[in-house]
Amino acid sequence: MKTLRIQKSITGTTLGINMQNVQHRYDQSSTAAVLSIPHWQVKQGDRVFLHGDSGSGKTTLLNLLSGILTPTEGTIELLEQPFSTLSARRRDAFRARHIGVVFQQFNLVPYLSVLKNIQLANYFAAKRDKHIEETANTLLAKLNLPANVLHKPANTLSVGQQQRVVIARALINQPELLLVDEPTSALDASARDAFMDILLNMCENAGASLVFVSHDMSLQRFFSTSIDMHSLCQGKVNASC
């Protein structure tokens, strides 16, 4: 994977996310923004818990950070790249190589094996890793999944197991940024806490930035940085957090 020369802020701290004067409107003729963020910076390697009520713009923000949406106004920089101004093709390629995504819907192909599902991320990143099976096995082991699930169809796994496969798929390309949206809603308290421990350990070992979106405030304790969407949209969050 290409090593990025990550941008630095005025304090010399490397940045994973840099948003300036971002607004997004689904209706381009409307003057009212669905999401408006004056400024937000996240240091590379930080783990951020982002919370807010339904309709506060959490998922819209993740869609902007993943490049599924582009801002109506303002700029989004990820790592060293002016991400929001890249062409759609280059934005897709950047996402595949440098961003891992875990959304509420797992989006596993049910009839494909676990390995094939993980390989899809490798394929979209235009990588041909001849050690992909070994790497996938290593990730699954770290996620406490037995090696024998690698060749099982995804739809034969439990919800908790599928969730861990999704994490493995998100991490297979060693992304610098991981975006996670409400991943624990289907888990009981014990499974939820185990999932959080695994996710945070994996991010720490990889040195990846993490933006974790949830309305479950009991998860706040896992993070050193917690941000309310209302405060973020009002510009009341420190520029760098």
C-alpha atoms as a PDB file:
ATOM      1  CA  MET A   1       0.000   0.000   0.000  1.00  0.00           C
ATOM      2  CA  LYS A   2       1.174   3.502  -0.774  1.00  0.00           C
ATOM      3  CA  THR A   3       2.347   5.349   2.337  1.00  0.00           C
ATOM      4  CA  LEU A   4       0.575   8.685   2.671  1.00  0.00           C
ATOM      5  CA  ARG A   5       2.358  11.833   3.746  1.00  0.00           C
ATOM      6  CA  ILE A   6      -0.308  12.908   6.201  1.00  0.00           C
ATOM      7  CA  GLN A   7      -1.058  16.617   6.521  1.00  0.00           C
ATOM      8  CA  LYS A   8      -0.111  18.440   9.712  1.00  0.00           C
ATOM      9  CA  SER A   9      -2.065  21.095  11.542  1.00  0.00           C
ATOM     10  CA  ILE A  10      -0.535  24.405  12.633  1.00  0.00           C
ATOM     11  CA  THR A  11       0.457  22.737  15.901  1.00  0.00           C
ATOM     12  CA  GLY A  12       2.416  20.077  14.032  1.00  0.00           C
ATOM     13  CA  THR A  13      -0.059  17.323  14.882  1.00  0.00           C
ATOM     14  CA  THR A  14      -0.918  14.935  12.063  1.00  0.00           C
ATOM     15  CA  LEU A  15      -4.532  15.054  10.947  1.00  0.00           C
ATOM     16  CA  GLY A  16      -6.767  12.229   9.840  1.00  0.00           C
ATOM     17  CA  ILE A  17      -9.810  14.448   9.214  1.00  0.00           C
ATOM     18  CA  ASN A  18     -10.018  18.146   8.405  1.00  0.00           C
ATOM     19  CA  MET A  19     -13.444  19.643   7.649  1.00  0.00           C
ATOM     20  CA  GLN A  20     -13.890  23.350   6.962  1.00  0.00           C
ATOM     21  CA  ASN A  21     -17.197  25.187   6.421  1.00  0.00           C
ATOM     22  CA  VAL A  22     -18.943  22.007   5.300  1.00  0.00           C
ATOM     23  CA  GLN A  23     -22.605  22.146   4.370  1.00  0.00           C
ATOM     24  CA  HIS A  24     -24.723  19.481   2.735  1.00  0.00           C
ATOM     25  CA  ARG A  25     -28.143  19.839   1.169  1.00  0.00           C
ATOM     26  CA  TYR A  26     -29.999  16.959  -0.462  1.00  0.00           C
ATOM     27  CA  ASP A  27     -32.180  19.483  -2.287  1.00  0.00           C
ATOM     28  CA  GLN A  28     -29.739  21.709  -4.160  1.00  0.00           C
ATOM     29  CA  SER A  29     -32.411  24.388  -4.599  1.00  0.00           C
ATOM     30  CA  SER A  30     -32.929  24.663  -0.838  1.00  0.00           C
ATOM     31  CA  THR A  31     -31.091  27.215   1.280  1.00  0.00           C
ATOM     32  CA  ALA A  32     -31.466  25.087   4.412  1.00  0.00           C
ATOM     33  CA  ALA A  33     -28.548  22.710   5.011  1.00  0.00           C
ATOM     34  CA  VAL A  34     -29.244  19.193   6.290  1.00  0.00           C
ATOM     35  CA  LEU A  35     -25.781  19.246   7.833  1.00  0.00           C
ATOM     36  CA  SER A  36     -23.566  22.230   8.605  1.00  0.00           C
ATOM     37  CA  ILE A  37     -20.145  21.877  10.277  1.00  0.00           C
ATOM     38  CA  PRO A  38     -18.043  25.065  10.586  1.00  0.00           C
ATOM     39  CA  HIS A  39     -14.826  23.222  11.385  1.00  0.00           C
ATOM     40  CA  TRP A  40     -13.643  19.871  12.692  1.00  0.00           C
ATOM     41  CA  GLN A  41     -10.245  18.232  12.875  1.00  0.00           C
ATOM     42  CA  VAL A  42      -9.383  14.759  14.154  1.00  0.00           C
ATOM     43  CA  LYS A  43      -5.801  13.826  14.893  1.00  0.00           C
ATOM     44  CA  GLN A  44      -4.500  10.749  13.128  1.00  0.00           C
ATOM     45  CA  GLY A  45      -4.865   7.704  15.382  1.00  0.00           C
ATOM     46  CA  ASP A  46      -7.576   9.232  17.597  1.00  0.00           C
ATOM     47  CA  ARG A  47     -10.759   7.353  18.429  1.00  0.00           C
ATOM     48  CA  VAL A  48     -13.884   9.530  18.507  1.00  0.00           C
ATOM     49  CA  PHE A  49     -17.349   8.677  19.852  1.00  0.00           C
ATOM     50  CA  LEU A  50     -19.972  10.667  17.934  1.00  0.00           C
ATOM     51  CA  HIS A  51     -23.500  10.744  19.311  1.00  0.00           C
ATOM     52  CA  GLY A  52     -26.772  12.536  18.748  1.00  0.00           C
ATOM     53  CA  ASP A  53     -30.496  12.097  18.337  1.00  0.00           C
ATOM     54  CA  SER A  54     -32.042  10.468  15.289  1.00  0.00           C
ATOM     55  CA  GLY A  55     -32.052  12.961  12.444  1.00  0.00           C
ATOM     56  CA  SER A  56     -29.102  14.931  13.824  1.00  0.00           C
ATOM     57  CA  GLY A  57     -26.944  14.156  10.788  1.00  0.00           C
ATOM     58  CA  LYS A  58     -24.731  11.329  12.072  1.00  0.00           C
ATOM     59  CA  THR A  59     -25.203   9.063   9.074  1.00  0.00           C
ATOM     60  CA  THR A  60     -24.989  11.992   6.648  1.00  0.00           C
ATOM     61  CA  LEU A  61     -21.630  12.893   8.191  1.00  0.00           C
ATOM     62  CA  LEU A  62     -20.345   9.336   7.777  1.00  0.00           C
ATOM     63  CA  ASN A  63     -21.543   9.314   4.174  1.00  0.00           C
ATOM     64  CA  LEU A  64     -19.577  12.517   3.568  1.00  0.00           C
ATOM     65  CA  LEU A  65     -16.463  11.107   5.224  1.00  0.00           C
ATOM     66  CA  SER A  66     -16.709   7.917   3.180  1.00  0.00           C
ATOM     67  CA  GLY A  67     -17.276   9.800  -0.072  1.00  0.00           C
ATOM     68  CA  ILE A  68     -20.726   8.376  -0.712  1.00  0.00           C
ATOM     69  CA  LEU A  69     -21.894  11.999  -0.572  1.00  0.00           C
ATOM     70  CA  THR A  70     -19.997  15.186  -1.393  1.00  0.00           C
ATOM     71  CA  PRO A  71     -20.553  18.486   0.432  1.00  0.00           C
ATOM     72  CA  THR A  72     -22.630  21.210  -1.184  1.00  0.00           C
ATOM     73  CA  GLU A  73     -20.170  23.729   0.229  1.00  0.00           C
ATOM     74  CA  GLY A  74     -16.848  23.594   2.054  1.00  0.00           C
ATOM     75  CA  THR A  75     -13.969  21.127   2.002  1.00  0.00           C
ATOM     76  CA  ILE A  76     -13.158  17.739   3.500  1.00  0.00           C
ATOM     77  CA  GLU A  77      -9.536  16.632   3.657  1.00  0.00           C
ATOM     78  CA  LEU A  78      -8.667  13.069   4.668  1.00  0.00           C
ATOM     79  CA  LEU A  79      -5.016  12.275   5.309  1.00  0.00           C
ATOM     80  CA  GLU A  80      -3.112  14.339   2.729  1.00  0.00           C
ATOM     81  CA  GLN A  81      -5.878  14.389   0.145  1.00  0.00           C
ATOM     82  CA  PRO A  82      -8.465  17.087  -0.702  1.00  0.00           C
ATOM     83  CA  PHE A  83     -10.974  14.245  -0.536  1.00  0.00           C
ATOM     84  CA  SER A  84     -14.199  16.088  -1.319  1.00  0.00           C
ATOM     85  CA  THR A  85     -12.819  17.581  -4.549  1.00  0.00           C
ATOM     86  CA  LEU A  86     -11.513  14.323  -5.994  1.00  0.00           C
ATOM     87  CA  SER A  87     -13.344  12.918  -8.994  1.00  0.00           C
ATOM     88  CA  ALA A  88     -15.878  10.196  -8.206  1.00  0.00           C
ATOM     89  CA  ARG A  89     -13.519   7.551  -9.565  1.00  0.00           C
ATOM     90  CA  ARG A  90     -10.532   8.746  -7.522  1.00  0.00           C
ATOM     91  CA  ARG A  91     -12.717   9.140  -4.448  1.00  0.00           C
ATOM     92  CA  ASP A  92     -13.906   5.533  -4.776  1.00  0.00           C
ATOM     93  CA  ALA A  93     -10.321   4.338  -5.176  1.00  0.00           C
ATOM     94  CA  PHE A  94      -9.204   6.351  -2.146  1.00  0.00           C
ATOM     95  CA  ARG A  95     -12.024   4.909  -0.048  1.00  0.00           C
ATOM     96  CA  ALA A  96     -11.182   1.357  -1.077  1.00  0.00           C
ATOM     97  CA  ARG A  97      -7.505   1.762  -0.206  1.00  0.00           C
ATOM     98  CA  HIS A  98      -7.553   3.995   2.863  1.00  0.00           C
ATOM     99  CA  ILE A  99     -10.994   3.859   4.541  1.00  0.00           C
ATOM    100  CA  GLY A 100     -12.639   0.943   6.312  1.00  0.00           C
ATOM    101  CA  VAL A 101     -16.410   1.100   6.746  1.00  0.00           C
ATOM    102  CA  VAL A 102     -18.654  -0.811   9.163  1.00  0.00           C
ATOM    103  CA  PHE A 103     -22.291   0.231   8.763  1.00  0.00           C
ATOM    104  CA  GLN A 104     -25.444  -1.053  10.475  1.00  0.00           C
ATOM    105  CA  GLN A 105     -26.230  -3.262   7.505  1.00  0.00           C
ATOM    106  CA  PHE A 106     -23.376  -5.748   7.200  1.00  0.00           C
ATOM    107  CA  ASN A 107     -23.659  -5.953   3.387  1.00  0.00           C
ATOM    108  CA  LEU A 108     -22.084  -9.399   3.291  1.00  0.00           C
ATOM    109  CA  VAL A 109     -22.847 -11.448   0.187  1.00  0.00           C
ATOM    110  CA  PRO A 110     -24.759 -14.289   1.891  1.00  0.00           C
ATOM    111  CA  TYR A 111     -23.879 -17.122  -0.492  1.00  0.00           C
ATOM    112  CA  LEU A 112     -20.166 -16.266  -0.673  1.00  0.00           C
ATOM    113  CA  SER A 113     -17.695 -17.677   1.803  1.00  0.00           C
ATOM    114  CA  VAL A 114     -16.212 -15.548   4.556  1.00  0.00           C
ATOM    115  CA  LEU A 115     -12.924 -15.474   2.642  1.00  0.00           C
ATOM    116  CA  LYS A 116     -14.601 -14.341  -0.586  1.00  0.00           C
ATOM    117  CA  ASN A 117     -16.425 -11.567   1.275  1.00  0.00           C
ATOM    118  CA  ILE A 118     -13.155 -10.343   2.753  1.00  0.00           C
ATOM    119  CA  GLN A 119     -11.431 -10.622  -0.622  1.00  0.00           C
ATOM    120  CA  LEU A 120     -13.988  -8.249  -2.136  1.00  0.00           C
ATOM    121  CA  ALA A 121     -12.431  -5.363  -0.202  1.00  0.00           C
ATOM    122  CA  ASN A 122      -9.032  -6.377  -1.555  1.00  0.00           C
ATOM    123  CA  TYR A 123     -10.452  -6.513  -5.073  1.00  0.00           C
ATOM    124  CA  PHE A 124     -12.059  -3.062  -4.940  1.00  0.00           C
ATOM    125  CA  ALA A 125      -8.771  -1.622  -3.695  1.00  0.00           C
ATOM    126  CA  ALA A 126      -7.173  -3.025  -6.878  1.00  0.00           C
ATOM    127  CA  LYS A 127      -4.793  -5.084  -4.776  1.00  0.00           C
ATOM    128  CA  ARG A 128      -3.655  -8.583  -5.614  1.00  0.00           C
ATOM    129  CA  ASP A 129      -2.436  -9.925  -2.301  1.00  0.00           C
ATOM    130  CA  LYS A 130      -1.283 -13.511  -2.776  1.00  0.00           C
ATOM    131  CA  HIS A 131      -1.242 -13.841   1.010  1.00  0.00           C
ATOM    132  CA  ILE A 132      -4.868 -12.714   1.397  1.00  0.00           C
ATOM    133  CA  GLU A 133      -6.015 -16.013   2.925  1.00  0.00           C
ATOM    134  CA  GLU A 134      -3.211 -15.966   5.483  1.00  0.00           C
ATOM    135  CA  THR A 135      -3.934 -12.320   6.318  1.00  0.00           C
ATOM    136  CA  ALA A 136      -7.659 -13.034   6.639  1.00  0.00           C
ATOM    137  CA  ASN A 137      -6.950 -15.975   8.949  1.00  0.00           C
ATOM    138  CA  THR A 138      -4.759 -13.761  11.127  1.00  0.00           C
ATOM    139  CA  LEU A 139      -7.467 -11.113  11.372  1.00  0.00           C
ATOM    140  CA  LEU A 140     -10.155 -13.670  12.190  1.00  0.00           C
ATOM    141  CA  ALA A 141      -7.957 -15.172  14.903  1.00  0.00           C
ATOM    142  CA  LYS A 142      -7.500 -11.728  16.459  1.00  0.00           C
ATOM    143  CA  LEU A 143     -11.274 -11.357  16.302  1.00  0.00           C
ATOM    144  CA  ASN A 144     -11.682 -14.674  18.134  1.00  0.00           C
ATOM    145  CA  LEU A 145     -13.179 -16.485  15.153  1.00  0.00           C
ATOM    146  CA  PRO A 146     -12.001 -20.036  14.387  1.00  0.00           C
ATOM    147  CA  ALA A 147     -10.140 -20.670  11.141  1.00  0.00           C
ATOM    148  CA  ASN A 148     -12.794 -23.137   9.970  1.00  0.00           C
ATOM    149  CA  VAL A 149     -15.307 -20.325   9.332  1.00  0.00           C
ATOM    150  CA  LEU A 150     -13.146 -18.956   6.506  1.00  0.00           C
ATOM    151  CA  HIS A 151     -14.740 -21.179   3.868  1.00  0.00           C
ATOM    152  CA  LYS A 152     -18.288 -21.194   5.264  1.00  0.00           C
ATOM    153  CA  PRO A 153     -21.038 -19.163   3.552  1.00  0.00           C
ATOM    154  CA  ALA A 154     -21.608 -15.877   5.363  1.00  0.00           C
ATOM    155  CA  ASN A 155     -25.282 -16.662   5.972  1.00  0.00           C
ATOM    156  CA  THR A 156     -24.405 -19.697   8.117  1.00  0.00           C
ATOM    157  CA  LEU A 157     -22.725 -17.526  10.762  1.00  0.00           C
ATOM    158  CA  SER A 158     -24.343 -15.975  13.814  1.00  0.00           C
ATOM    159  CA  VAL A 159     -24.961 -12.215  13.922  1.00  0.00           C
ATOM    160  CA  GLY A 160     -21.981 -11.745  16.218  1.00  0.00           C
ATOM    161  CA  GLN A 161     -19.731 -13.769  13.921  1.00  0.00           C
ATOM    162  CA  GLN A 162     -20.917 -11.860  10.846  1.00  0.00           C
ATOM    163  CA  GLN A 163     -20.153  -8.627  12.645  1.00  0.00           C
ATOM    164  CA  ARG A 164     -16.566  -9.718  13.198  1.00  0.00           C
ATOM    165  CA  VAL A 165     -16.235 -10.723   9.561  1.00  0.00           C
ATOM    166  CA  VAL A 166     -17.331  -7.200   8.628  1.00  0.00           C
ATOM    167  CA  ILE A 167     -14.560  -5.791  10.831  1.00  0.00           C
ATOM    168  CA  ALA A 168     -12.036  -8.105   9.175  1.00  0.00           C
ATOM    169  CA  ARG A 169     -13.236  -6.942   5.760  1.00  0.00           C
ATOM    170  CA  ALA A 170     -12.932  -3.310   6.852  1.00  0.00           C
ATOM    171  CA  LEU A 171      -9.387  -3.842   8.143  1.00  0.00           C
ATOM    172  CA  ILE A 172      -7.985  -6.163   5.451  1.00  0.00           C
ATOM    173  CA  ASN A 173      -6.439  -3.278   3.489  1.00  0.00           C
ATOM    174  CA  GLN A 174      -4.926  -1.714   6.626  1.00  0.00           C
ATOM    175  CA  PRO A 175      -6.955   1.517   6.358  1.00  0.00           C
ATOM    176  CA  GLU A 176      -5.811   4.705   8.033  1.00  0.00           C
ATOM    177  CA  LEU A 177      -9.426   5.643   8.835  1.00  0.00           C
ATOM    178  CA  LEU A 178     -12.263   3.453  10.126  1.00  0.00           C
ATOM    179  CA  LEU A 179     -15.894   4.642  10.068  1.00  0.00           C
ATOM    180  CA  VAL A 180     -18.353   2.686  12.209  1.00  0.00           C
ATOM    181  CA  ASP A 181     -22.126   3.285  12.354  1.00  0.00           C
ATOM    182  CA  GLU A 182     -24.299   1.785  15.121  1.00  0.00           C
ATOM    183  CA  PRO A 183     -22.646  -1.659  14.978  1.00  0.00           C
ATOM    184  CA  THR A 184     -23.823  -2.992  18.339  1.00  0.00           C
ATOM    185  CA  SER A 185     -27.593  -2.534  18.087  1.00  0.00           C
ATOM    186  CA  ALA A 186     -28.192  -6.277  17.563  1.00  0.00           C
ATOM    187  CA  LEU A 187     -25.927  -7.419  20.417  1.00  0.00           C
ATOM    188  CA  ASP A 188     -26.600  -8.031  24.091  1.00  0.00           C
ATOM    189  CA  ALA A 189     -24.518  -6.168  26.697  1.00  0.00           C
ATOM    190  CA  SER A 190     -21.868  -8.877  27.076  1.00  0.00           C
ATOM    191  CA  ALA A 191     -21.362  -9.347  23.332  1.00  0.00           C
ATOM    192  CA  ARG A 192     -21.397  -5.580  22.840  1.00  0.00           C
ATOM    193  CA  ASP A 193     -18.584  -4.994  25.342  1.00  0.00           C
ATOM    194  CA  ALA A 194     -16.513  -7.819  23.863  1.00  0.00           C
ATOM    195  CA  PHE A 195     -17.023  -6.348  20.400  1.00  0.00           C
ATOM    196  CA  MET A 196     -15.870  -2.911  21.577  1.00  0.00           C
ATOM    197  CA  ASP A 197     -12.723  -4.309  23.187  1.00  0.00           C
ATOM    198  CA  ILE A 198     -11.807  -6.152  19.996  1.00  0.00           C
ATOM    199  CA  LEU A 199     -12.550  -3.185  17.731  1.00  0.00           C
ATOM    200  CA  LEU A 200     -10.521  -0.709  19.775  1.00  0.00           C
ATOM    201  CA  ASN A 201      -7.587  -3.084  20.150  1.00  0.00           C
ATOM    202  CA  MET A 202      -7.534  -3.681  16.404  1.00  0.00           C
ATOM    203  CA  CYS A 203      -7.590   0.065  15.693  1.00  0.00           C
ATOM    204  CA  GLU A 204      -4.840   0.734  18.214  1.00  0.00           C
ATOM    205  CA  ASN A 205      -2.625  -1.990  16.763  1.00  0.00           C
ATOM    206  CA  ALA A 206      -3.177  -0.632  13.243  1.00  0.00           C
ATOM    207  CA  GLY A 207      -2.731   3.017  14.260  1.00  0.00           C
ATOM    208  CA  ALA A 208      -6.035   3.822  12.548  1.00  0.00           C
ATOM    209  CA  SER A 209      -8.298   6.758  13.300  1.00  0.00           C
ATOM    210  CA  LEU A 210     -11.801   5.717  14.351  1.00  0.00           C
ATOM    211  CA  VAL A 211     -15.064   7.628  14.081  1.00  0.00           C
ATOM    212  CA  PHE A 212     -17.704   5.607  15.923  1.00  0.00           C
ATOM    213  CA  VAL A 213     -21.322   6.739  15.633  1.00  0.00           C
ATOM    214  CA  SER A 214     -23.979   5.612  18.106  1.00  0.00           C
ATOM    215  CA  HIS A 215     -26.932   6.817  20.146  1.00  0.00           C
ATOM    216  CA  ASP A 216     -26.006   4.301  22.884  1.00  0.00           C
ATOM    217  CA  MET A 217     -24.385   6.515  25.510  1.00  0.00           C
ATOM    218  CA  SER A 218     -23.211   3.489  27.520  1.00  0.00           C
ATOM    219  CA  LEU A 219     -20.476   3.093  24.882  1.00  0.00           C
ATOM    220  CA  GLN A 220     -19.052   6.530  25.613  1.00  0.00           C
ATOM    221  CA  ARG A 221     -16.796   5.094  28.312  1.00  0.00           C
ATOM    222  CA  PHE A 222     -14.698   3.294  25.703  1.00  0.00           C
ATOM    223  CA  PHE A 223     -13.519   6.576  24.157  1.00  0.00           C
ATOM    224  CA  SER A 224     -11.329   9.435  25.330  1.00  0.00           C
ATOM    225  CA  THR A 225     -13.093  11.857  22.961  1.00  0.00           C
ATOM    226  CA  SER A 226     -16.873  12.190  22.828  1.00  0.00           C
ATOM    227  CA  ILE A 227     -18.670  14.674  20.571  1.00  0.00           C
ATOM    228  CA  ASP A 228     -22.334  15.626  20.393  1.00  0.00           C
ATOM    229  CA  MET A 229     -23.605  16.274  16.860  1.00  0.00           C
ATOM    230  CA  HIS A 230     -25.441  19.424  17.952  1.00  0.00           C
ATOM    231  CA  SER A 231     -22.240  20.919  19.377  1.00  0.00           C
ATOM    232  CA  LEU A 232     -20.288  19.910  16.280  1.00  0.00           C
ATOM    233  CA  CYS A 233     -22.800  21.580  13.983  1.00  0.00           C
ATOM    234  CA  GLN A 234     -22.808  24.708  16.140  1.00  0.00           C
ATOM    235  CA  GLY A 235     -19.024  24.975  15.938  1.00  0.00           C
ATOM    236  CA  LYS A 236     -18.688  24.465  19.695  1.00  0.00           C
ATOM    237  CA  VAL A 237     -16.212  21.591  19.373  1.00  0.00           C
ATOM    238  CA  ASN A 238     -12.513  22.431  19.500  1.00  0.00           C
ATOM    239  CA  ALA A 239     -11.087  22.676  15.984  1.00  0.00           C
ATOM    240  CA  SER A 240      -8.786  19.766  16.787  1.00  0.00           C
ATOM    241  CA  CYS A 241     -10.032  16.989  19.044  1.00  0.00           C
END
